[in-house]
């Protein structure tokens, strides 16, 4: 008698393939956003602060 647990299931395969695509896309977007934020943080930390403008007295 064949074991039903090892039989291929095309619907489960399609569902897992779709889920893997969605997770991969979300992971890529999250990684890209994290890299953008890290570069912004380092750019702000390494550039000197702009001098504040003084108000002229009348």
C-alpha atoms as a PDB file:
ATOM      1  CA  UNK A   1       0.000   0.000   0.000  1.00  0.00           C
ATOM      2  CA  UNK A   2       1.307   3.439  -0.946  1.00  0.00           C
ATOM      3  CA  UNK A   3       1.852   6.048   1.728  1.00  0.00           C
ATOM      4  CA  UNK A   4      -0.576   8.979   1.052  1.00  0.00           C
ATOM      5  CA  UNK A   5       1.688  11.445   2.901  1.00  0.00           C
ATOM      6  CA  UNK A   6       4.442  11.239   0.289  1.00  0.00           C
ATOM      7  CA  UNK A   7       2.139  11.577  -2.705  1.00  0.00           C
ATOM      8  CA  UNK A   8       2.622  14.790  -4.713  1.00  0.00           C
ATOM      9  CA  UNK A   9      -0.094  17.396  -4.283  1.00  0.00           C
ATOM     10  CA  UNK A  10      -0.217  19.925  -7.160  1.00  0.00           C
ATOM     11  CA  UNK A  11      -2.473  22.354  -5.282  1.00  0.00           C
ATOM     12  CA  UNK A  12      -0.188  22.448  -2.252  1.00  0.00           C
ATOM     13  CA  UNK A  13       2.774  22.884  -4.585  1.00  0.00           C
ATOM     14  CA  UNK A  14       1.138  25.864  -6.328  1.00  0.00           C
ATOM     15  CA  UNK A  15       0.133  27.399  -3.006  1.00  0.00           C
ATOM     16  CA  UNK A  16       3.643  27.071  -1.576  1.00  0.00           C
ATOM     17  CA  UNK A  17       5.167  28.462  -4.772  1.00  0.00           C
ATOM     18  CA  UNK A  18       2.923  31.521  -4.605  1.00  0.00           C
ATOM     19  CA  UNK A  19       3.577  32.012  -0.903  1.00  0.00           C
ATOM     20  CA  UNK A  20       7.317  31.755  -1.520  1.00  0.00           C
ATOM     21  CA  UNK A  21       7.092  34.421  -4.230  1.00  0.00           C
ATOM     22  CA  UNK A  22       5.169  36.792  -1.953  1.00  0.00           C
ATOM     23  CA  UNK A  23       7.552  36.259   0.972  1.00  0.00           C
ATOM     24  CA  UNK A  24      10.564  36.743  -1.295  1.00  0.00           C
ATOM     25  CA  UNK A  25       9.164  39.980  -2.668  1.00  0.00           C
ATOM     26  CA  UNK A  26       8.398  41.310   0.820  1.00  0.00           C
ATOM     27  CA  UNK A  27      11.879  40.333   1.994  1.00  0.00           C
ATOM     28  CA  UNK A  28      13.452  42.158  -0.937  1.00  0.00           C
ATOM     29  CA  UNK A  29      11.443  45.302  -0.278  1.00  0.00           C
ATOM     30  CA  UNK A  30      12.284  45.231   3.443  1.00  0.00           C
ATOM     31  CA  UNK A  31      15.981  44.746   2.715  1.00  0.00           C
ATOM     32  CA  UNK A  32      16.009  47.634   0.235  1.00  0.00           C
ATOM     33  CA  UNK A  33      14.248  49.923   2.709  1.00  0.00           C
ATOM     34  CA  UNK A  34      16.684  48.980   5.483  1.00  0.00           C
ATOM     35  CA  UNK A  35      19.634  49.760   3.215  1.00  0.00           C
ATOM     36  CA  UNK A  36      18.123  53.149   2.310  1.00  0.00           C
ATOM     37  CA  UNK A  37      17.590  54.016   5.967  1.00  0.00           C
ATOM     38  CA  UNK A  38      21.111  52.911   6.886  1.00  0.00           C
ATOM     39  CA  UNK A  39      22.657  55.058   4.158  1.00  0.00           C
ATOM     40  CA  UNK A  40      20.565  58.049   5.262  1.00  0.00           C
ATOM     41  CA  UNK A  41      21.648  57.528   8.867  1.00  0.00           C
ATOM     42  CA  UNK A  42      25.347  57.349   7.944  1.00  0.00           C
ATOM     43  CA  UNK A  43      25.092  60.330   5.620  1.00  0.00           C
ATOM     44  CA  UNK A  44      23.498  62.423   8.369  1.00  0.00           C
ATOM     45  CA  UNK A  45      26.042  61.250  10.948  1.00  0.00           C
ATOM     46  CA  UNK A  46      29.108  61.946   8.809  1.00  0.00           C
ATOM     47  CA  UNK A  47      28.174  65.333   7.372  1.00  0.00           C
ATOM     48  CA  UNK A  48      28.747  68.414   9.514  1.00  0.00           C
ATOM     49  CA  UNK A  49      25.713  70.196  10.884  1.00  0.00           C
ATOM     50  CA  UNK A  50      24.603  73.276   8.994  1.00  0.00           C
ATOM     51  CA  UNK A  51      25.253  76.519  10.885  1.00  0.00           C
ATOM     52  CA  UNK A  52      22.142  78.136  12.248  1.00  0.00           C
ATOM     53  CA  UNK A  53      21.139  81.422  10.680  1.00  0.00           C
ATOM     54  CA  UNK A  54      21.298  84.371  13.008  1.00  0.00           C
ATOM     55  CA  UNK A  55      18.432  86.781  13.097  1.00  0.00           C
ATOM     56  CA  UNK A  56      19.382  90.326  12.380  1.00  0.00           C
ATOM     57  CA  UNK A  57      18.382  92.923  14.963  1.00  0.00           C
ATOM     58  CA  UNK A  58      16.441  95.917  13.721  1.00  0.00           C
END
